Amino acid sequence: MNRPALTPATVVAEAAVLADEHGLEAVTLSAVARRLGVRTPSLYSHVRDHAALLDGISTLALEELAGRIAEAVAGRAGHPALDGLAQAHRSFARERPGRWQSLQRRVGPAVAASDAARTVAALMDAVLRGYDIPPGDRVTVTRLVGSTINGYLTLEHVGSFDHREPAPEVSWHRTVDALDTLLRTWPTGQET
């Protein structure tokens, strides 16, 4: 059997597959080495350490998520763009659970400064331009929208919404609608 050539990208890609299959906590250098059919020391010329491996998964996840968001919000503004953004996150979290989990951790500075992270932030800013959000409030609103989406997806993933009606799908759409209402009515000036 021919093994793929070891590169930082192939090591991270295999680690991401492992994370999606078994959870981020299953990603160790030795587990990835076994999957690649090599000894663990062979990986150190491609990834510095475990933290760098996890950061690699996070960067890959951001790149993939950015592509989904870009497609979902293209040509849209206001509620349709916000819905596209939210749905892109939700489908990514469901289809790539380990990669999603890698975005729910404190990442290293290189990930935070990566092109992928900047692209995701720029896409969020593009969605917010569809609302009358003062520039000084964009960071706060980004945090609010991100927290709402991430919180909902985390609780849905662990089954917190499985015990009562309405179905999580109904609440999801109501949540996005409520975010849209909040953003459309965001105060444009602060009282002193």
N, C-alpha and C. Protein backbone atom coordinates (compact mmCIF):
# COMPACT_ATOMS: atom_id res chain seq x y z
N MET A 1 0.84 -1.19 0.00
CA MET A 1 0.00 0.00 0.00
C MET A 1 0.88 1.24 0.00
N ASN A 2 0.59 2.18 -0.87
CA ASN A 2 1.35 3.42 -0.93
C ASN A 2 0.80 4.42 0.08
N ARG A 3 1.71 4.93 0.91
CA ARG A 3 1.32 5.97 1.86
C ARG A 3 1.48 7.32 1.19
N PRO A 4 0.61 8.27 1.55
CA PRO A 4 0.85 9.62 1.03
C PRO A 4 2.12 10.18 1.64
N ALA A 5 2.79 11.02 0.89
CA ALA A 5 4.00 11.67 1.40
C ALA A 5 3.64 12.50 2.62
N LEU A 6 4.48 12.41 3.64
CA LEU A 6 4.23 13.20 4.84
C LEU A 6 4.60 14.65 4.58
N THR A 7 3.66 15.50 4.83
CA THR A 7 3.85 16.95 4.79
C THR A 7 3.06 17.51 5.97
N PRO A 8 3.29 18.75 6.35
CA PRO A 8 2.44 19.32 7.39
C PRO A 8 0.96 19.22 7.03
N ALA A 9 0.62 19.45 5.76
CA ALA A 9 -0.79 19.41 5.34
C ALA A 9 -1.38 18.01 5.46
N THR A 10 -0.63 16.97 5.09
CA THR A 10 -1.19 15.61 5.18
C THR A 10 -1.33 15.18 6.64
N VAL A 11 -0.40 15.60 7.48
CA VAL A 11 -0.50 15.26 8.90
C VAL A 11 -1.73 15.93 9.51
N VAL A 12 -1.92 17.21 9.23
CA VAL A 12 -3.07 17.93 9.77
C VAL A 12 -4.37 17.38 9.20
N ALA A 13 -4.39 17.07 7.91
CA ALA A 13 -5.61 16.53 7.30
C ALA A 13 -6.01 15.21 7.95
N GLU A 14 -5.03 14.35 8.22
CA GLU A 14 -5.34 13.07 8.87
C GLU A 14 -5.81 13.29 10.30
N ALA A 15 -5.20 14.24 10.98
CA ALA A 15 -5.63 14.57 12.35
C ALA A 15 -7.06 15.10 12.34
N ALA A 16 -7.42 15.89 11.33
CA ALA A 16 -8.78 16.43 11.23
C ALA A 16 -9.79 15.31 11.00
N VAL A 17 -9.44 14.34 10.17
CA VAL A 17 -10.33 13.20 9.95
C VAL A 17 -10.52 12.42 11.26
N LEU A 18 -9.42 12.20 11.96
CA LEU A 18 -9.49 11.52 13.26
C LEU A 18 -10.40 12.29 14.22
N ALA A 19 -10.25 13.60 14.26
CA ALA A 19 -11.09 14.43 15.14
C ALA A 19 -12.56 14.30 14.77
N ASP A 20 -12.87 14.31 13.49
CA ASP A 20 -14.27 14.20 13.06
C ASP A 20 -14.84 12.82 13.41
N GLU A 21 -14.02 11.80 13.32
CA GLU A 21 -14.49 10.44 13.59
C GLU A 21 -14.62 10.13 15.08
N HIS A 22 -13.69 10.65 15.90
CA HIS A 22 -13.63 10.23 17.30
C HIS A 22 -13.59 11.37 18.31
N GLY A 23 -13.64 12.60 17.86
CA GLY A 23 -13.58 13.74 18.76
C GLY A 23 -12.18 14.30 18.87
N LEU A 24 -12.10 15.57 19.16
CA LEU A 24 -10.80 16.25 19.23
C LEU A 24 -9.89 15.64 20.31
N GLU A 25 -10.49 15.14 21.39
CA GLU A 25 -9.68 14.56 22.46
C GLU A 25 -8.95 13.30 22.01
N ALA A 26 -9.39 12.67 20.92
CA ALA A 26 -8.71 11.48 20.39
C ALA A 26 -7.46 11.82 19.59
N VAL A 27 -7.29 13.09 19.27
CA VAL A 27 -6.16 13.51 18.44
C VAL A 27 -4.91 13.63 19.30
N THR A 28 -4.02 12.66 19.11
CA THR A 28 -2.70 12.70 19.73
C THR A 28 -1.69 12.46 18.61
N LEU A 29 -0.46 12.83 18.85
CA LEU A 29 0.56 12.58 17.84
C LEU A 29 0.71 11.09 17.56
N SER A 30 0.63 10.27 18.59
CA SER A 30 0.78 8.83 18.37
C SER A 30 -0.40 8.26 17.59
N ALA A 31 -1.61 8.73 17.86
CA ALA A 31 -2.78 8.24 17.12
C ALA A 31 -2.70 8.63 15.64
N VAL A 32 -2.26 9.84 15.38
CA VAL A 32 -2.12 10.29 13.99
C VAL A 32 -1.01 9.50 13.30
N ALA A 33 0.08 9.27 14.00
CA ALA A 33 1.18 8.48 13.42
C ALA A 33 0.70 7.08 13.06
N ARG A 34 -0.06 6.44 13.95
CA ARG A 34 -0.58 5.10 13.65
C ARG A 34 -1.44 5.13 12.38
N ARG A 35 -2.29 6.13 12.26
CA ARG A 35 -3.16 6.22 11.09
C ARG A 35 -2.35 6.42 9.81
N LEU A 36 -1.25 7.11 9.93
CA LEU A 36 -0.40 7.36 8.76
C LEU A 36 0.61 6.24 8.51
N GLY A 37 0.67 5.28 9.42
CA GLY A 37 1.58 4.15 9.26
C GLY A 37 3.04 4.50 9.48
N VAL A 38 3.28 5.46 10.38
CA VAL A 38 4.65 5.87 10.68
C VAL A 38 4.84 5.89 12.19
N ARG A 39 6.07 6.05 12.60
CA ARG A 39 6.36 6.19 14.02
C ARG A 39 6.17 7.64 14.44
N THR A 40 5.77 7.83 15.68
CA THR A 40 5.48 9.18 16.19
C THR A 40 6.62 10.17 15.95
N PRO A 41 7.89 9.82 16.19
CA PRO A 41 8.96 10.80 15.96
C PRO A 41 8.99 11.33 14.51
N SER A 42 8.47 10.56 13.57
CA SER A 42 8.46 11.01 12.17
C SER A 42 7.60 12.25 11.98
N LEU A 43 6.64 12.46 12.87
CA LEU A 43 5.74 13.61 12.73
C LEU A 43 6.39 14.92 13.13
N TYR A 44 7.41 14.86 13.99
CA TYR A 44 7.98 16.08 14.54
C TYR A 44 8.70 16.95 13.50
N SER A 45 9.00 16.40 12.36
CA SER A 45 9.58 17.25 11.31
C SER A 45 8.47 17.96 10.51
N HIS A 46 7.21 17.65 10.85
CA HIS A 46 6.08 18.26 10.12
C HIS A 46 5.18 19.10 11.04
N VAL A 47 5.11 18.73 12.31
CA VAL A 47 4.37 19.53 13.30
C VAL A 47 5.22 19.62 14.56
N ARG A 48 5.26 20.80 15.14
CA ARG A 48 6.14 21.06 16.29
C ARG A 48 5.77 20.21 17.50
N ASP A 49 4.46 20.16 17.81
CA ASP A 49 3.99 19.45 19.00
C ASP A 49 2.47 19.30 18.92
N HIS A 50 1.89 18.79 19.98
CA HIS A 50 0.45 18.55 20.01
C HIS A 50 -0.34 19.84 19.82
N ALA A 51 0.08 20.90 20.47
CA ALA A 51 -0.62 22.19 20.34
C ALA A 51 -0.59 22.67 18.88
N ALA A 52 0.53 22.50 18.23
CA ALA A 52 0.63 22.91 16.81
C ALA A 52 -0.26 22.04 15.93
N LEU A 53 -0.38 20.77 16.27
CA LEU A 53 -1.28 19.89 15.52
C LEU A 53 -2.73 20.35 15.66
N LEU A 54 -3.13 20.67 16.89
CA LEU A 54 -4.49 21.16 17.12
C LEU A 54 -4.72 22.50 16.42
N ASP A 55 -3.71 23.36 16.46
CA ASP A 55 -3.83 24.65 15.76
C ASP A 55 -3.94 24.43 14.25
N GLY A 56 -3.25 23.42 13.75
CA GLY A 56 -3.38 23.10 12.33
C GLY A 56 -4.80 22.70 11.97
N ILE A 57 -5.42 21.89 12.84
CA ILE A 57 -6.82 21.51 12.62
C ILE A 57 -7.71 22.75 12.66
N SER A 58 -7.46 23.64 13.60
CA SER A 58 -8.26 24.87 13.71
C SER A 58 -8.13 25.73 12.46
N THR A 59 -6.92 25.86 11.94
CA THR A 59 -6.73 26.65 10.72
C THR A 59 -7.45 26.01 9.54
N LEU A 60 -7.32 24.70 9.42
CA LEU A 60 -8.03 23.99 8.37
C LEU A 60 -9.54 24.18 8.51
N ALA A 61 -10.04 24.08 9.73
CA ALA A 61 -11.47 24.27 9.98
C ALA A 61 -11.91 25.69 9.58
N LEU A 62 -11.12 26.68 9.92
CA LEU A 62 -11.46 28.06 9.55
C LEU A 62 -11.48 28.23 8.03
N GLU A 63 -10.53 27.61 7.35
CA GLU A 63 -10.50 27.70 5.88
C GLU A 63 -11.77 27.09 5.29
N GLU A 64 -12.14 25.92 5.78
CA GLU A 64 -13.33 25.25 5.26
C GLU A 64 -14.60 26.02 5.62
N LEU A 65 -14.67 26.51 6.84
CA LEU A 65 -15.83 27.29 7.27
C LEU A 65 -15.95 28.58 6.47
N ALA A 66 -14.84 29.24 6.21
CA ALA A 66 -14.86 30.47 5.41
C ALA A 66 -15.45 30.21 4.03
N GLY A 67 -15.08 29.10 3.41
CA GLY A 67 -15.64 28.76 2.11
C GLY A 67 -17.14 28.57 2.16
N ARG A 68 -17.61 27.90 3.19
CA ARG A 68 -19.05 27.67 3.35
C ARG A 68 -19.79 28.99 3.58
N ILE A 69 -19.22 29.82 4.45
CA ILE A 69 -19.88 31.10 4.74
C ILE A 69 -19.93 31.95 3.48
N ALA A 70 -18.82 32.03 2.77
CA ALA A 70 -18.76 32.86 1.56
C ALA A 70 -19.85 32.44 0.57
N GLU A 71 -20.00 31.15 0.40
CA GLU A 71 -21.03 30.65 -0.53
C GLU A 71 -22.43 30.96 0.00
N ALA A 72 -22.63 30.84 1.30
CA ALA A 72 -23.95 31.02 1.90
C ALA A 72 -24.41 32.47 1.94
N VAL A 73 -23.47 33.42 1.98
CA VAL A 73 -23.87 34.83 2.10
C VAL A 73 -23.71 35.60 0.79
N ALA A 74 -23.13 34.98 -0.23
CA ALA A 74 -22.88 35.68 -1.50
C ALA A 74 -24.17 36.25 -2.08
N GLY A 75 -24.14 37.56 -2.35
CA GLY A 75 -25.28 38.23 -2.97
C GLY A 75 -26.45 38.46 -2.04
N ARG A 76 -26.26 38.24 -0.75
CA ARG A 76 -27.36 38.40 0.21
C ARG A 76 -27.03 39.53 1.19
N ALA A 77 -28.07 40.06 1.78
CA ALA A 77 -27.91 41.08 2.82
C ALA A 77 -29.01 40.91 3.84
N GLY A 78 -28.82 41.50 5.02
CA GLY A 78 -29.85 41.44 6.06
C GLY A 78 -30.12 40.02 6.51
N HIS A 79 -31.39 39.72 6.74
CA HIS A 79 -31.79 38.42 7.25
C HIS A 79 -31.29 37.25 6.41
N PRO A 80 -31.42 37.30 5.06
CA PRO A 80 -30.91 36.17 4.28
C PRO A 80 -29.41 35.92 4.47
N ALA A 81 -28.62 36.99 4.61
CA ALA A 81 -27.19 36.82 4.84
C ALA A 81 -26.93 36.25 6.23
N LEU A 82 -27.63 36.77 7.22
CA LEU A 82 -27.48 36.28 8.59
C LEU A 82 -27.87 34.80 8.66
N ASP A 83 -28.96 34.45 8.01
CA ASP A 83 -29.40 33.06 7.99
C ASP A 83 -28.35 32.18 7.29
N GLY A 84 -27.80 32.66 6.19
CA GLY A 84 -26.76 31.92 5.49
C GLY A 84 -25.54 31.70 6.37
N LEU A 85 -25.13 32.74 7.08
CA LEU A 85 -24.00 32.64 8.00
C LEU A 85 -24.27 31.59 9.07
N ALA A 86 -25.45 31.67 9.68
CA ALA A 86 -25.80 30.74 10.75
C ALA A 86 -25.89 29.31 10.22
N GLN A 87 -26.51 29.13 9.06
CA GLN A 87 -26.65 27.78 8.49
C GLN A 87 -25.30 27.20 8.10
N ALA A 88 -24.39 28.04 7.62
CA ALA A 88 -23.05 27.56 7.27
C ALA A 88 -22.35 27.01 8.52
N HIS A 89 -22.47 27.73 9.62
CA HIS A 89 -21.89 27.25 10.88
C HIS A 89 -22.54 25.94 11.30
N ARG A 90 -23.86 25.90 11.22
CA ARG A 90 -24.58 24.71 11.70
C ARG A 90 -24.25 23.48 10.86
N SER A 91 -24.25 23.62 9.56
CA SER A 91 -23.95 22.46 8.72
C SER A 91 -22.49 22.02 8.92
N PHE A 92 -21.60 22.97 9.09
CA PHE A 92 -20.20 22.62 9.34
C PHE A 92 -20.07 21.87 10.66
N ALA A 93 -20.74 22.36 11.70
CA ALA A 93 -20.66 21.71 13.02
C ALA A 93 -21.20 20.28 12.96
N ARG A 94 -22.23 20.07 12.18
CA ARG A 94 -22.82 18.73 12.06
C ARG A 94 -21.96 17.80 11.21
N GLU A 95 -21.42 18.30 10.12
CA GLU A 95 -20.68 17.46 9.18
C GLU A 95 -19.22 17.27 9.56
N ARG A 96 -18.66 18.21 10.27
CA ARG A 96 -17.26 18.16 10.67
C ARG A 96 -17.14 18.41 12.17
N PRO A 97 -17.70 17.51 12.99
CA PRO A 97 -17.76 17.80 14.43
C PRO A 97 -16.42 17.98 15.12
N GLY A 98 -15.41 17.24 14.71
CA GLY A 98 -14.09 17.40 15.34
C GLY A 98 -13.44 18.72 14.96
N ARG A 99 -13.60 19.09 13.70
CA ARG A 99 -13.04 20.37 13.25
C ARG A 99 -13.77 21.52 13.95
N TRP A 100 -15.10 21.37 14.07
CA TRP A 100 -15.88 22.38 14.80
C TRP A 100 -15.39 22.49 16.23
N GLN A 101 -15.16 21.35 16.85
CA GLN A 101 -14.68 21.33 18.23
C GLN A 101 -13.33 22.05 18.33
N SER A 102 -12.52 21.96 17.28
CA SER A 102 -11.21 22.62 17.32
C SER A 102 -11.34 24.14 17.34
N LEU A 103 -12.50 24.64 16.94
CA LEU A 103 -12.74 26.09 16.97
C LEU A 103 -13.33 26.54 18.31
N GLN A 104 -13.59 25.59 19.20
CA GLN A 104 -14.16 25.91 20.50
C GLN A 104 -13.08 25.85 21.58
N ARG A 105 -11.87 26.11 21.21
CA ARG A 105 -10.73 26.10 22.14
C ARG A 105 -9.91 27.36 21.90
N ARG A 106 -9.10 27.69 22.86
CA ARG A 106 -8.20 28.83 22.69
C ARG A 106 -7.12 28.43 21.70
N VAL A 107 -7.05 29.15 20.60
CA VAL A 107 -6.07 28.83 19.55
C VAL A 107 -4.81 29.67 19.75
N GLY A 108 -3.74 29.24 19.10
CA GLY A 108 -2.49 29.97 19.17
C GLY A 108 -2.55 31.25 18.34
N PRO A 109 -1.59 32.15 18.55
CA PRO A 109 -1.58 33.43 17.85
C PRO A 109 -1.53 33.29 16.33
N ALA A 110 -0.86 32.26 15.83
CA ALA A 110 -0.77 32.10 14.37
C ALA A 110 -2.14 31.80 13.76
N VAL A 111 -2.97 31.05 14.47
CA VAL A 111 -4.32 30.76 13.98
C VAL A 111 -5.15 32.04 13.99
N ALA A 112 -5.08 32.77 15.10
CA ALA A 112 -5.87 34.00 15.22
C ALA A 112 -5.47 35.02 14.16
N ALA A 113 -4.22 35.00 13.73
CA ALA A 113 -3.74 35.96 12.73
C ALA A 113 -3.75 35.39 11.32
N SER A 114 -4.28 34.19 11.14
CA SER A 114 -4.23 33.53 9.84
C SER A 114 -5.16 34.19 8.81
N ASP A 115 -4.86 33.95 7.55
CA ASP A 115 -5.74 34.44 6.48
C ASP A 115 -7.15 33.90 6.67
N ALA A 116 -7.26 32.63 7.09
CA ALA A 116 -8.57 32.02 7.27
C ALA A 116 -9.37 32.75 8.35
N ALA A 117 -8.73 33.08 9.46
CA ALA A 117 -9.43 33.80 10.53
C ALA A 117 -9.84 35.19 10.07
N ARG A 118 -8.96 35.85 9.32
CA ARG A 118 -9.30 37.17 8.78
C ARG A 118 -10.47 37.08 7.79
N THR A 119 -10.50 36.02 7.01
CA THR A 119 -11.59 35.84 6.05
C THR A 119 -12.92 35.63 6.76
N VAL A 120 -12.93 34.79 7.79
CA VAL A 120 -14.17 34.58 8.55
C VAL A 120 -14.62 35.89 9.17
N ALA A 121 -13.69 36.65 9.74
CA ALA A 121 -14.05 37.95 10.34
C ALA A 121 -14.57 38.92 9.28
N ALA A 122 -13.96 38.93 8.11
CA ALA A 122 -14.42 39.83 7.04
C ALA A 122 -15.81 39.43 6.55
N LEU A 123 -16.08 38.15 6.51
CA LEU A 123 -17.42 37.70 6.10
C LEU A 123 -18.46 38.10 7.13
N MET A 124 -18.13 37.99 8.41
CA MET A 124 -19.05 38.44 9.45
C MET A 124 -19.29 39.94 9.31
N ASP A 125 -18.23 40.70 9.06
CA ASP A 125 -18.37 42.14 8.89
C ASP A 125 -19.25 42.45 7.67
N ALA A 126 -19.11 41.67 6.61
CA ALA A 126 -19.95 41.88 5.43
C ALA A 126 -21.42 41.65 5.76
N VAL A 127 -21.70 40.63 6.56
CA VAL A 127 -23.09 40.38 6.98
C VAL A 127 -23.59 41.56 7.80
N LEU A 128 -22.77 42.07 8.71
CA LEU A 128 -23.19 43.18 9.57
C LEU A 128 -23.41 44.47 8.79
N ARG A 129 -22.75 44.62 7.65
CA ARG A 129 -22.99 45.82 6.84
C ARG A 129 -24.41 45.88 6.30
N GLY A 130 -25.11 44.76 6.35
CA GLY A 130 -26.52 44.75 5.95
C GLY A 130 -27.44 45.31 7.02
N TYR A 131 -26.87 45.71 8.14
CA TYR A 131 -27.63 46.29 9.25
C TYR A 131 -27.02 47.65 9.58
N ASP A 132 -27.76 48.45 10.31
CA ASP A 132 -27.28 49.78 10.68
C ASP A 132 -26.53 49.70 12.01
N ILE A 133 -25.43 48.97 12.00
CA ILE A 133 -24.62 48.79 13.20
C ILE A 133 -23.49 49.82 13.17
N PRO A 134 -23.39 50.66 14.17
CA PRO A 134 -22.29 51.62 14.20
C PRO A 134 -20.95 50.89 14.19
N PRO A 135 -19.97 51.41 13.47
CA PRO A 135 -18.66 50.75 13.40
C PRO A 135 -18.07 50.42 14.78
N GLY A 136 -18.27 51.28 15.75
CA GLY A 136 -17.73 51.04 17.08
C GLY A 136 -18.40 49.88 17.81
N ASP A 137 -19.54 49.43 17.31
CA ASP A 137 -20.26 48.32 17.95
C ASP A 137 -20.06 46.99 17.22
N ARG A 138 -19.33 47.00 16.12
CA ARG A 138 -19.21 45.77 15.32
C ARG A 138 -18.56 44.62 16.09
N VAL A 139 -17.55 44.91 16.89
CA VAL A 139 -16.91 43.84 17.66
C VAL A 139 -17.90 43.25 18.66
N THR A 140 -18.64 44.11 19.35
CA THR A 140 -19.64 43.63 20.31
C THR A 140 -20.70 42.79 19.61
N VAL A 141 -21.18 43.24 18.47
CA VAL A 141 -22.21 42.50 17.74
C VAL A 141 -21.65 41.19 17.20
N THR A 142 -20.41 41.22 16.73
CA THR A 142 -19.77 39.97 16.28
C THR A 142 -19.71 38.97 17.41
N ARG A 143 -19.35 39.42 18.59
CA ARG A 143 -19.30 38.54 19.75
C ARG A 143 -20.68 38.00 20.11
N LEU A 144 -21.68 38.86 20.03
CA LEU A 144 -23.05 38.46 20.34
C LEU A 144 -23.54 37.39 19.35
N VAL A 145 -23.37 37.65 18.07
CA VAL A 145 -23.82 36.69 17.06
C VAL A 145 -23.04 35.38 17.19
N GLY A 146 -21.72 35.48 17.32
CA GLY A 146 -20.91 34.27 17.47
C GLY A 146 -21.26 33.47 18.70
N SER A 147 -21.49 34.15 19.82
CA SER A 147 -21.85 33.47 21.06
C SER A 147 -23.20 32.77 20.93
N THR A 148 -24.13 33.42 20.29
CA THR A 148 -25.46 32.83 20.12
C THR A 148 -25.39 31.59 19.25
N ILE A 149 -24.71 31.69 18.12
CA ILE A 149 -24.59 30.54 17.22
C ILE A 149 -23.82 29.42 17.91
N ASN A 150 -22.65 29.73 18.46
CA ASN A 150 -21.83 28.69 19.10
C ASN A 150 -22.55 28.06 20.29
N GLY A 151 -23.19 28.88 21.09
CA GLY A 151 -23.90 28.35 22.25
C GLY A 151 -25.02 27.41 21.84
N TYR A 152 -25.80 27.82 20.85
CA TYR A 152 -26.90 26.98 20.38
C TYR A 152 -26.35 25.66 19.86
N LEU A 153 -25.33 25.73 19.02
CA LEU A 153 -24.79 24.52 18.41
C LEU A 153 -24.16 23.59 19.44
N THR A 154 -23.51 24.15 20.44
CA THR A 154 -22.92 23.33 21.50
C THR A 154 -24.01 22.61 22.28
N LEU A 155 -25.05 23.33 22.68
CA LEU A 155 -26.13 22.71 23.43
C LEU A 155 -26.89 21.69 22.59
N GLU A 156 -27.08 21.99 21.32
CA GLU A 156 -27.75 21.04 20.44
C GLU A 156 -26.90 19.77 20.30
N HIS A 157 -25.60 19.93 20.14
CA HIS A 157 -24.70 18.80 19.96
C HIS A 157 -24.72 17.84 21.14
N VAL A 158 -24.79 18.36 22.34
CA VAL A 158 -24.78 17.50 23.51
C VAL A 158 -26.18 16.99 23.89
N GLY A 159 -27.18 17.33 23.10
CA GLY A 159 -28.52 16.79 23.32
C GLY A 159 -29.37 17.56 24.31
N SER A 160 -28.99 18.78 24.65
CA SER A 160 -29.75 19.55 25.64
C SER A 160 -31.15 19.92 25.18
N PHE A 161 -31.39 19.87 23.89
CA PHE A 161 -32.70 20.28 23.37
C PHE A 161 -33.58 19.09 23.01
N ASP A 162 -33.18 17.91 23.38
CA ASP A 162 -33.90 16.70 22.97
C ASP A 162 -35.10 16.36 23.84
N HIS A 163 -35.34 17.10 24.90
CA HIS A 163 -36.31 16.66 25.90
C HIS A 163 -37.60 17.47 25.93
N ARG A 164 -37.70 18.50 25.10
CA ARG A 164 -38.92 19.33 25.14
C ARG A 164 -39.25 19.79 23.75
N GLU A 165 -40.50 20.10 23.56
CA GLU A 165 -40.96 20.72 22.32
C GLU A 165 -40.81 22.23 22.49
N PRO A 166 -40.63 22.97 21.44
CA PRO A 166 -40.62 22.55 20.05
C PRO A 166 -39.30 21.88 19.67
N ALA A 167 -39.29 21.32 18.48
CA ALA A 167 -38.09 20.66 17.97
C ALA A 167 -36.96 21.68 17.86
N PRO A 168 -35.72 21.23 18.02
CA PRO A 168 -34.58 22.15 17.91
C PRO A 168 -34.58 22.94 16.61
N GLU A 169 -35.04 22.35 15.53
CA GLU A 169 -35.07 23.05 14.24
C GLU A 169 -35.95 24.30 14.31
N VAL A 170 -37.08 24.18 15.00
CA VAL A 170 -37.99 25.32 15.15
C VAL A 170 -37.32 26.42 15.96
N SER A 171 -36.72 26.03 17.08
CA SER A 171 -36.05 27.02 17.92
C SER A 171 -34.87 27.67 17.20
N TRP A 172 -34.16 26.89 16.38
CA TRP A 172 -33.03 27.43 15.62
C TRP A 172 -33.50 28.57 14.73
N HIS A 173 -34.54 28.35 13.98
CA HIS A 173 -35.03 29.40 13.07
C HIS A 173 -35.56 30.61 13.85
N ARG A 174 -36.21 30.36 14.97
CA ARG A 174 -36.68 31.47 15.80
C ARG A 174 -35.50 32.26 16.37
N THR A 175 -34.43 31.57 16.72
CA THR A 175 -33.24 32.23 17.24
C THR A 175 -32.61 33.13 16.19
N VAL A 176 -32.47 32.63 14.97
CA VAL A 176 -31.92 33.45 13.88
C VAL A 176 -32.84 34.65 13.62
N ASP A 177 -34.16 34.42 13.63
CA ASP A 177 -35.11 35.53 13.45
C ASP A 177 -34.95 36.57 14.56
N ALA A 178 -34.76 36.10 15.80
CA ALA A 178 -34.59 37.03 16.92
C ALA A 178 -33.30 37.82 16.79
N LEU A 179 -32.23 37.17 16.33
CA LEU A 179 -30.99 37.90 16.09
C LEU A 179 -31.18 38.97 15.03
N ASP A 180 -31.89 38.63 13.97
CA ASP A 180 -32.16 39.59 12.91
C ASP A 180 -32.93 40.79 13.46
N THR A 181 -33.95 40.54 14.27
CA THR A 181 -34.73 41.62 14.86
C THR A 181 -33.85 42.51 15.73
N LEU A 182 -33.00 41.88 16.54
CA LEU A 182 -32.09 42.63 17.40
C LEU A 182 -31.15 43.50 16.57
N LEU A 183 -30.59 42.94 15.51
CA LEU A 183 -29.64 43.69 14.69
C LEU A 183 -30.33 44.82 13.93
N ARG A 184 -31.56 44.60 13.50
CA ARG A 184 -32.29 45.67 12.79
C ARG A 184 -32.67 46.81 13.72
N THR A 185 -32.76 46.53 15.01
CA THR A 185 -33.16 47.56 15.97
C THR A 185 -32.03 47.98 16.89
N TRP A 186 -30.80 47.65 16.51
CA TRP A 186 -29.65 47.98 17.34
C TRP A 186 -29.58 49.50 17.53
N PRO A 187 -29.39 49.96 18.76
CA PRO A 187 -29.31 51.42 18.99
C PRO A 187 -28.11 52.02 18.26
N THR A 188 -28.35 53.13 17.56
CA THR A 188 -27.27 53.74 16.78
C THR A 188 -26.45 54.73 17.58
N GLY A 189 -26.92 55.13 18.73
CA GLY A 189 -26.16 56.08 19.55
C GLY A 189 -26.27 55.69 21.01
N GLN A 190 -25.28 56.03 21.78
CA GLN A 190 -25.30 55.71 23.21
C GLN A 190 -25.65 56.97 23.98
N GLU A 191 -26.54 56.79 24.96
CA GLU A 191 -26.87 57.92 25.83
C GLU A 191 -25.77 58.08 26.87
N THR A 192 -25.47 59.30 27.21
CA THR A 192 -24.45 59.56 28.23
C THR A 192 -25.06 59.81 29.56
